[in-house]
Amino acid sequence: MPARSRAIKALVLGFYLSAPHLSSIGSAVQDVISRGKTRCLVFQISPPLVDNNTAQQLAELGQQFMSFSRAYQVAFRWLTRLHLRSFAFGDITDLITACDKLKHLNMRSCRLVDRRSALKIGAPYSGLQELEFTHFGCKRIELISVPKLRTMLCHSWRSKNPPVRFGYVPELCKVSLTREAKVWQAPFLLSECLSRSATNLSKLHLNFCHQMIWINPEHPKQLTAIFRNLADVSLSGIFPECDLSWTLFILEAAPALQKFTLSRAQLCAKTAVDSAEKTNLVWEPSKDFKHLNLKKLAFQGFEEEDKVTSYIRLVMERAVGLKRIVLLGELPCQDCNDCKRKCMLGELPSKDCNDCKRKCTVDKARRHRVKVQLAHGSCSSVEIIICTLKCHH
């Protein structure tokens, strides 16, 4: 068989960091990429024991991984995507620098050896396009210089706020932050987190996980330079008792915004013992503020219909170019999902199944009532659509 027919263009490997096998994996990968045809090389690496590792064990695993990367530099130089789980590092700058072709880095349940230190990423020549950190343990993530970065996802950070400080990131397009705020995490200003160099930022997603709102409203002038190209904003997991008018500070700071999505929490959402106290936010938008470019407002969660209707009318008054309002069906919580799964498997009695159906019927009725209230006495030509779970996207 000709050598060219054996060339592998895409190679995805998931493996445990087990010493007896690393040399064979490293050698095999380097043999494959030596043919020069591989365009996509992905490593998904976990320690043999993921749960209940001590800090010392995590540090030893991190050292073992770094030794592996140095021993097979050719393989890591061709790496395009790297997923790491449950390692502790002193620093990752050398790793990023050594991976010439790395575009996506995903770190889950990882940490710095010294969690009181900041993770500083200064990689001016790196081709990194996407960073994702979930349950990462450090003082803060500081992106000093990552010029090719387009997407930053930071979920369930273990540090105080803000979790990230953006430096030189001129190509940044999407930022997603997700966290259930804890008692030691005070709200912060987005202007303290985002960078004025991120002039291409077009999509922002903030998920508050049904708990305290962990950002503070601020004067739009502090954010306009950063938000001038922001086109799509999604705020999810807003607890039901929270007033919604504060969200307009984002609308006022983002003149190019075209799609605005708000999702309120389910009433059955549980609160952890160490969650931060939920407090209401107060914000008064500028009296003469009008938004010219917002085309679509999507809203999810209808427990308090009057509050929802008042908020949507407030947006309609300000967003003079609004074309469409989409009323989304409520997303089920974990308990409801479990109920649905058991119902499909025939593991639930008919009464429980009927309870689920009744929830869906009540939710749909609420959306209909909101639609009627919005249309009553209004001369607006805005299209109001009631959407089911199937058409959320």
Protein backbone atom coordinates (compact mmCIF):
# COMPACT_ATOMS: atom_id res chain seq x y z
CA MET A 1 0.00 0.00 0.00
CA PRO A 2 1.46 3.41 -0.93
CA ALA A 3 2.54 5.53 2.02
CA ARG A 4 0.27 8.38 1.02
CA SER A 5 -2.85 6.19 1.46
CA ARG A 6 -1.91 5.61 5.11
CA ALA A 7 -1.68 9.31 5.94
CA ILE A 8 -4.07 10.45 8.70
CA LYS A 9 -5.42 13.98 8.34
CA ALA A 10 -7.34 14.07 11.63
CA LEU A 11 -6.39 12.24 14.81
CA VAL A 12 -8.33 12.47 18.09
CA LEU A 13 -6.95 10.60 21.10
CA GLY A 14 -8.44 10.34 24.58
CA PHE A 15 -6.23 8.65 27.16
CA TYR A 16 -5.23 8.52 30.81
CA LEU A 17 -1.87 9.86 31.92
CA SER A 18 -0.48 6.41 32.66
CA ALA A 19 3.32 6.15 32.55
CA PRO A 20 3.63 2.67 30.97
CA HIS A 21 1.62 3.74 27.93
CA LEU A 22 2.78 7.34 27.32
CA SER A 23 5.92 6.39 25.41
CA SER A 24 4.02 4.18 22.97
CA ILE A 25 1.35 6.88 22.47
CA GLY A 26 3.95 9.62 21.94
CA SER A 27 5.99 7.52 19.50
CA ALA A 28 2.92 6.43 17.52
CA VAL A 29 1.65 10.00 17.19
CA GLN A 30 5.03 11.32 16.07
CA ASP A 31 5.22 8.54 13.50
CA VAL A 32 1.83 9.56 12.09
CA ILE A 33 2.53 13.29 11.88
CA SER A 34 5.99 12.74 10.39
CA ARG A 35 4.22 12.09 7.11
CA GLY A 36 3.20 15.76 7.08
CA LYS A 37 -0.47 15.19 6.23
CA THR A 38 -2.06 15.63 9.67
CA ARG A 39 -4.11 18.82 9.93
CA CYS A 40 -6.03 18.11 13.15
CA LEU A 41 -4.47 16.56 16.25
CA VAL A 42 -6.50 16.41 19.47
CA PHE A 43 -5.46 15.16 22.91
CA GLN A 44 -8.02 14.56 25.68
CA ILE A 45 -6.01 13.69 28.78
CA SER A 46 -7.13 12.78 32.30
CA PRO A 47 -5.30 11.28 35.28
CA PRO A 48 -5.98 7.60 36.08
CA LEU A 49 -7.94 8.65 39.16
CA VAL A 50 -10.00 11.78 38.46
CA ASP A 51 -11.81 12.18 41.79
CA ASN A 52 -10.44 12.77 45.30
CA ASN A 53 -6.86 13.46 44.27
CA THR A 54 -4.92 15.49 46.83
CA ALA A 55 -3.21 18.78 45.98
CA GLN A 56 0.15 17.00 46.00
CA GLN A 57 -1.13 14.29 43.65
CA LEU A 58 -2.50 16.92 41.27
CA ALA A 59 0.87 18.69 41.25
CA GLU A 60 2.70 15.40 40.57
CA LEU A 61 0.31 14.66 37.72
CA GLY A 62 0.93 18.13 36.31
CA GLN A 63 4.70 17.53 36.40
CA GLN A 64 4.22 14.16 34.73
CA PHE A 65 2.18 15.75 31.97
CA MET A 66 4.79 18.47 31.39
CA SER A 67 7.51 15.81 31.20
CA PHE A 68 5.41 13.99 28.60
CA SER A 69 5.02 17.17 26.54
CA ARG A 70 8.78 17.85 26.63
CA ALA A 71 9.64 14.26 25.71
CA TYR A 72 7.46 14.40 22.59
CA GLN A 73 7.87 17.98 21.45
CA VAL A 74 7.18 17.15 17.81
CA ALA A 75 3.76 15.73 18.64
CA PHE A 76 2.83 18.70 20.83
CA ARG A 77 4.06 21.11 18.19
CA TRP A 78 1.37 19.73 15.85
CA LEU A 79 -1.36 19.70 18.50
CA THR A 80 -4.41 21.74 17.46
CA ARG A 81 -6.75 21.04 20.39
CA LEU A 82 -5.95 20.07 23.98
CA HIS A 83 -8.40 19.00 26.70
CA LEU A 84 -6.97 18.56 30.20
CA ARG A 85 -8.78 17.41 33.33
CA SER A 86 -7.64 17.44 36.97
CA PHE A 87 -4.03 18.63 36.82
CA ALA A 88 -2.13 21.26 38.80
CA PHE A 89 0.45 23.46 37.08
CA GLY A 90 2.98 26.04 38.13
CA ASP A 91 2.42 27.86 34.84
CA ILE A 92 1.10 27.02 31.37
CA THR A 93 2.84 29.72 29.31
CA ASP A 94 5.65 27.35 28.25
CA LEU A 95 3.09 24.74 27.24
CA ILE A 96 1.18 27.20 25.05
CA THR A 97 4.42 28.47 23.51
CA ALA A 98 5.60 24.93 22.73
CA CYS A 99 2.32 24.05 20.96
CA ASP A 100 2.83 26.06 17.76
CA LYS A 101 -0.46 25.04 16.14
CA LEU A 102 -2.67 24.96 19.25
CA LYS A 103 -5.99 26.71 18.62
CA HIS A 104 -8.26 25.35 21.37
CA LEU A 105 -7.33 24.79 25.03
CA ASN A 106 -9.87 23.32 27.45
CA MET A 107 -8.99 22.92 31.14
CA ARG A 108 -11.49 21.31 33.51
CA SER A 109 -11.04 20.92 37.27
CA CYS A 110 -7.44 22.06 36.92
CA ARG A 111 -5.60 24.52 39.16
CA LEU A 112 -2.36 26.29 39.81
CA VAL A 113 -0.08 24.70 42.38
CA ASP A 114 -0.29 27.97 44.31
CA ARG A 115 -3.98 28.86 44.10
CA ARG A 116 -3.22 32.30 45.53
CA SER A 117 -1.40 33.18 42.31
CA ALA A 118 -2.90 34.49 39.08
CA LEU A 119 -2.76 32.44 35.90
CA LYS A 120 -1.03 34.82 33.51
CA ILE A 121 -1.12 34.04 29.80
CA GLY A 122 1.21 36.19 27.76
CA ALA A 123 1.49 34.53 24.36
CA PRO A 124 1.89 37.25 21.71
CA TYR A 125 2.90 34.76 18.99
CA SER A 126 0.36 32.06 19.85
CA GLY A 127 -2.40 31.03 17.44
CA LEU A 128 -4.82 30.27 20.31
CA GLN A 129 -8.41 30.97 19.23
CA GLU A 130 -10.47 29.46 22.07
CA LEU A 131 -9.90 29.11 25.80
CA GLU A 132 -12.28 27.27 28.12
CA PHE A 133 -11.80 27.04 31.88
CA THR A 134 -14.23 25.10 34.09
CA HIS A 135 -13.72 24.82 37.87
CA PHE A 136 -10.24 26.30 37.51
CA GLY A 137 -8.47 27.10 40.77
CA CYS A 138 -6.34 30.25 40.90
CA LYS A 139 -6.51 33.84 42.11
CA ARG A 140 -7.54 35.11 38.70
CA ILE A 141 -6.98 34.47 34.99
CA GLU A 142 -5.09 37.31 33.33
CA LEU A 143 -4.95 37.27 29.53
CA ILE A 144 -2.04 39.64 29.07
CA SER A 145 -1.61 39.11 25.34
CA VAL A 146 -3.48 36.52 23.25
CA PRO A 147 -3.88 38.33 19.91
CA LYS A 148 -5.66 35.51 18.00
CA LEU A 149 -8.16 34.67 20.76
CA ARG A 150 -11.76 34.67 19.51
CA THR A 151 -13.69 32.82 22.25
CA MET A 152 -13.31 32.82 26.03
CA LEU A 153 -15.49 30.53 28.17
CA CYS A 154 -15.13 30.62 31.95
CA HIS A 155 -17.46 28.47 34.04
CA SER A 156 -17.73 27.92 37.81
CA TRP A 157 -14.53 29.72 38.71
CA ARG A 158 -13.20 29.22 42.23
CA SER A 159 -11.67 32.65 42.68
CA LYS A 160 -13.00 35.98 43.84
CA ASN A 161 -14.50 38.30 41.24
CA PRO A 162 -13.78 39.24 38.55
CA PRO A 163 -12.55 35.82 37.38
CA VAL A 164 -10.83 37.12 34.23
CA ARG A 165 -9.01 40.27 33.21
CA PHE A 166 -8.60 40.72 29.48
CA GLY A 167 -5.50 42.42 28.15
CA TYR A 168 -4.57 42.54 24.47
CA VAL A 169 -7.26 40.46 22.71
CA PRO A 170 -8.10 42.41 19.52
CA GLU A 171 -9.89 39.49 17.78
CA LEU A 172 -12.07 38.47 20.74
CA CYS A 173 -15.63 37.83 19.51
CA LYS A 174 -17.38 35.78 22.20
CA VAL A 175 -17.28 35.78 26.00
CA SER A 176 -19.30 33.38 28.15
CA LEU A 177 -19.26 33.52 31.97
CA THR A 178 -21.27 31.06 34.07
CA ARG A 179 -21.29 30.95 37.87
CA GLU A 180 -23.49 30.30 40.90
CA ALA A 181 -22.15 33.07 43.13
CA LYS A 182 -20.74 32.10 46.50
CA VAL A 183 -20.66 34.17 49.69
CA TRP A 184 -17.04 35.25 49.11
CA GLN A 185 -17.70 36.50 45.56
CA ALA A 186 -18.79 40.13 45.44
CA PRO A 187 -20.40 41.63 42.31
CA PHE A 188 -18.03 43.36 39.88
CA LEU A 189 -18.16 45.80 36.98
CA LEU A 190 -17.84 44.44 33.46
CA SER A 191 -15.49 47.31 32.66
CA GLU A 192 -13.10 45.85 35.29
CA CYS A 193 -13.04 42.59 33.39
CA LEU A 194 -13.31 43.28 29.68
CA SER A 195 -10.65 45.05 27.64
CA ARG A 196 -10.93 48.11 25.43
CA SER A 197 -8.78 46.24 22.92
CA ALA A 198 -11.68 43.80 22.37
CA THR A 199 -13.38 46.03 19.81
CA ASN A 200 -14.63 42.99 17.84
CA LEU A 201 -16.66 41.58 20.74
CA SER A 202 -19.98 40.55 19.20
CA LYS A 203 -21.48 37.95 21.55
CA LEU A 204 -21.81 38.00 25.35
CA HIS A 205 -23.42 35.32 27.51
CA LEU A 206 -23.80 35.64 31.30
CA ASN A 207 -25.40 32.81 33.27
CA PHE A 208 -26.18 33.56 36.93
CA CYS A 209 -27.38 29.99 37.70
CA HIS A 210 -30.54 31.18 39.52
CA GLN A 211 -28.53 32.90 42.27
CA MET A 212 -27.11 36.38 43.00
CA ILE A 213 -26.50 38.66 40.03
CA TRP A 214 -22.71 38.90 40.12
CA ILE A 215 -22.30 42.01 37.98
CA ASN A 216 -23.11 45.58 38.96
CA PRO A 217 -24.84 47.96 36.53
CA GLU A 218 -22.60 50.83 35.49
CA HIS A 219 -22.79 53.95 33.39
CA PRO A 220 -22.97 52.97 29.71
CA LYS A 221 -20.11 55.35 28.88
CA GLN A 222 -17.76 52.97 30.69
CA LEU A 223 -18.68 50.18 28.29
CA THR A 224 -19.57 51.78 24.95
CA ALA A 225 -16.03 51.50 23.57
CA ILE A 226 -16.02 47.76 24.38
CA PHE A 227 -19.63 47.08 23.34
CA ARG A 228 -19.73 49.11 20.14
CA ASN A 229 -19.88 45.96 17.96
CA LEU A 230 -21.81 43.79 20.40
CA ALA A 231 -24.70 42.20 18.46
CA ASP A 232 -25.97 39.31 20.62
CA VAL A 233 -26.43 39.29 24.41
CA SER A 234 -27.88 36.48 26.50
CA LEU A 235 -28.55 36.81 30.25
CA SER A 236 -29.73 33.53 31.76
CA GLY A 237 -30.51 32.08 35.17
CA ILE A 238 -31.94 35.36 36.57
CA PHE A 239 -33.71 34.55 39.85
CA PRO A 240 -37.50 35.14 39.69
CA GLU A 241 -37.72 37.88 42.36
CA CYS A 242 -35.13 40.08 40.68
CA ASP A 243 -36.25 43.27 38.99
CA LEU A 244 -35.28 43.31 35.32
CA SER A 245 -34.91 47.00 34.47
CA TRP A 246 -31.20 46.86 35.42
CA THR A 247 -30.53 44.86 32.25
CA LEU A 248 -31.14 47.99 30.17
CA PHE A 249 -27.70 49.35 31.04
CA ILE A 250 -26.30 46.73 28.65
CA LEU A 251 -28.79 47.73 25.97
CA GLU A 252 -27.85 51.38 26.41
CA ALA A 253 -24.11 50.60 26.23
CA ALA A 254 -24.40 48.47 23.07
CA PRO A 255 -25.71 50.59 20.16
CA ALA A 256 -25.24 47.79 17.59
CA LEU A 257 -27.13 45.15 19.61
CA GLN A 258 -29.58 43.19 17.45
CA LYS A 259 -30.62 40.23 19.64
CA PHE A 260 -31.32 40.36 23.38
CA THR A 261 -32.27 37.17 25.26
CA LEU A 262 -33.33 36.95 28.90
CA SER A 263 -34.03 33.74 30.79
CA ARG A 264 -35.51 33.64 34.26
CA ALA A 265 -34.93 30.77 36.69
CA GLN A 266 -37.47 28.09 37.52
CA LEU A 267 -39.19 28.37 40.87
CA CYS A 268 -37.93 24.88 41.75
CA ALA A 269 -34.25 25.90 41.41
CA LYS A 270 -32.34 24.89 44.54
CA THR A 271 -29.98 27.16 46.51
CA ALA A 272 -26.70 25.83 47.91
CA VAL A 273 -25.83 26.54 51.54
CA ASP A 274 -22.82 28.73 50.67
CA SER A 275 -24.55 30.72 47.90
CA ALA A 276 -24.33 34.51 48.03
CA GLU A 277 -27.38 36.41 49.20
CA LYS A 278 -29.75 37.38 46.40
CA THR A 279 -30.23 41.14 46.28
CA ASN A 280 -32.34 43.22 43.94
CA LEU A 281 -30.62 45.57 41.52
CA VAL A 282 -31.78 49.13 40.86
CA TRP A 283 -31.02 50.94 37.63
CA GLU A 284 -32.74 53.84 35.91
CA PRO A 285 -32.09 54.10 32.16
CA SER A 286 -31.53 57.54 30.63
CA LYS A 287 -34.86 59.29 30.08
CA ASP A 288 -34.19 60.09 26.43
CA PHE A 289 -32.51 56.77 25.58
CA LYS A 290 -33.65 55.15 22.33
CA HIS A 291 -32.11 52.06 20.76
CA LEU A 292 -32.13 51.98 16.96
CA ASN A 293 -30.78 48.55 16.04
CA LEU A 294 -32.36 45.97 18.36
CA LYS A 295 -34.44 43.65 16.18
CA LYS A 296 -35.26 40.67 18.39
CA LEU A 297 -36.13 40.30 22.09
CA ALA A 298 -36.44 36.73 23.39
CA PHE A 299 -37.84 36.09 26.85
CA GLN A 300 -38.10 32.91 28.87
CA GLY A 301 -39.82 32.38 32.20
CA PHE A 302 -43.33 33.65 33.02
CA GLU A 303 -43.93 33.08 36.73
CA GLU A 304 -44.83 36.74 37.35
CA GLU A 305 -46.73 37.79 34.25
CA ASP A 306 -47.25 41.47 35.18
CA LYS A 307 -43.53 42.00 35.85
CA VAL A 308 -42.61 40.30 32.58
CA THR A 309 -45.16 42.32 30.61
CA SER A 310 -44.01 45.61 32.17
CA TYR A 311 -40.40 44.86 31.34
CA ILE A 312 -41.11 43.91 27.72
CA ARG A 313 -43.16 47.08 27.27
CA LEU A 314 -40.25 49.08 28.67
CA VAL A 315 -37.95 47.56 26.05
CA MET A 316 -40.51 48.19 23.32
CA GLU A 317 -40.62 51.87 24.28
CA ARG A 318 -36.83 52.19 24.09
CA ALA A 319 -36.05 49.89 21.16
CA VAL A 320 -37.74 51.79 18.35
CA GLY A 321 -36.51 49.38 15.67
CA LEU A 322 -37.75 46.21 17.40
CA LYS A 323 -39.25 43.74 14.92
CA ARG A 324 -39.91 40.56 16.86
CA ILE A 325 -40.60 39.37 20.42
CA VAL A 326 -40.21 35.65 21.04
CA LEU A 327 -41.81 34.17 24.16
CA LEU A 328 -39.96 30.95 24.91
CA GLY A 329 -41.27 27.97 26.80
CA GLU A 330 -39.66 27.41 30.19
CA LEU A 331 -36.65 25.10 30.18
CA PRO A 332 -37.09 22.16 32.59
CA CYS A 333 -34.91 21.90 35.68
CA GLN A 334 -32.93 18.74 36.47
CA ASP A 335 -35.80 17.24 38.47
CA CYS A 336 -38.20 17.86 35.58
CA ASN A 337 -35.70 16.37 33.11
CA ASP A 338 -35.38 13.28 35.31
CA CYS A 339 -39.15 13.03 35.43
CA LYS A 340 -39.38 13.30 31.64
CA ARG A 341 -36.71 10.62 31.15
CA LYS A 342 -38.43 8.21 33.56
CA CYS A 343 -41.76 8.90 31.90
CA MET A 344 -40.33 7.98 28.48
CA LEU A 345 -38.96 4.75 29.96
CA GLY A 346 -42.30 3.93 31.55
CA GLU A 347 -40.85 4.18 35.07
CA LEU A 348 -43.36 6.77 36.35
CA PRO A 349 -47.00 6.33 37.31
CA SER A 350 -49.53 8.16 35.12
CA LYS A 351 -50.13 10.81 37.82
CA ASP A 352 -46.50 12.00 37.66
CA CYS A 353 -46.68 12.10 33.88
CA ASN A 354 -49.84 14.19 34.07
CA ASP A 355 -48.11 16.60 36.47
CA CYS A 356 -45.41 17.20 33.84
CA LYS A 357 -48.02 17.79 31.15
CA ARG A 358 -49.88 20.20 33.43
CA LYS A 359 -46.67 22.23 33.95
CA CYS A 360 -46.27 22.57 30.18
CA THR A 361 -49.92 23.59 29.79
CA VAL A 362 -49.65 26.27 32.51
CA ASP A 363 -46.45 27.64 30.96
CA LYS A 364 -48.07 27.90 27.54
CA ALA A 365 -51.14 29.62 29.02
CA ARG A 366 -48.90 32.19 30.72
CA ARG A 367 -47.19 32.99 27.44
CA HIS A 368 -50.55 33.46 25.74
CA ARG A 369 -51.68 35.87 28.46
CA VAL A 370 -48.47 37.89 28.17
CA LYS A 371 -48.95 38.09 24.39
CA VAL A 372 -52.53 39.32 24.82
CA GLN A 373 -51.47 41.96 27.37
CA LEU A 374 -48.69 43.22 25.11
CA ALA A 375 -50.98 43.49 22.11
CA HIS A 376 -53.83 45.18 24.01
CA GLY A 377 -53.91 48.92 23.44
CA SER A 378 -50.63 48.89 21.49
CA CYS A 379 -50.18 50.33 18.04
CA SER A 380 -46.78 48.69 17.65
CA SER A 381 -46.14 46.53 14.59
CA VAL A 382 -43.81 44.23 16.53
CA GLU A 383 -44.43 40.55 15.77
CA ILE A 384 -45.04 38.47 18.92
CA ILE A 385 -44.25 34.76 18.61
CA ILE A 386 -45.01 32.03 21.14
CA CYS A 387 -42.27 29.45 20.82
CA THR A 388 -42.10 25.85 22.06
CA LEU A 389 -38.99 24.08 23.30
CA LYS A 390 -38.50 22.61 19.82
CA CYS A 391 -37.98 26.03 18.22
CA HIS A 392 -35.70 27.62 20.84
CA HIS A 393 -32.89 27.94 18.32
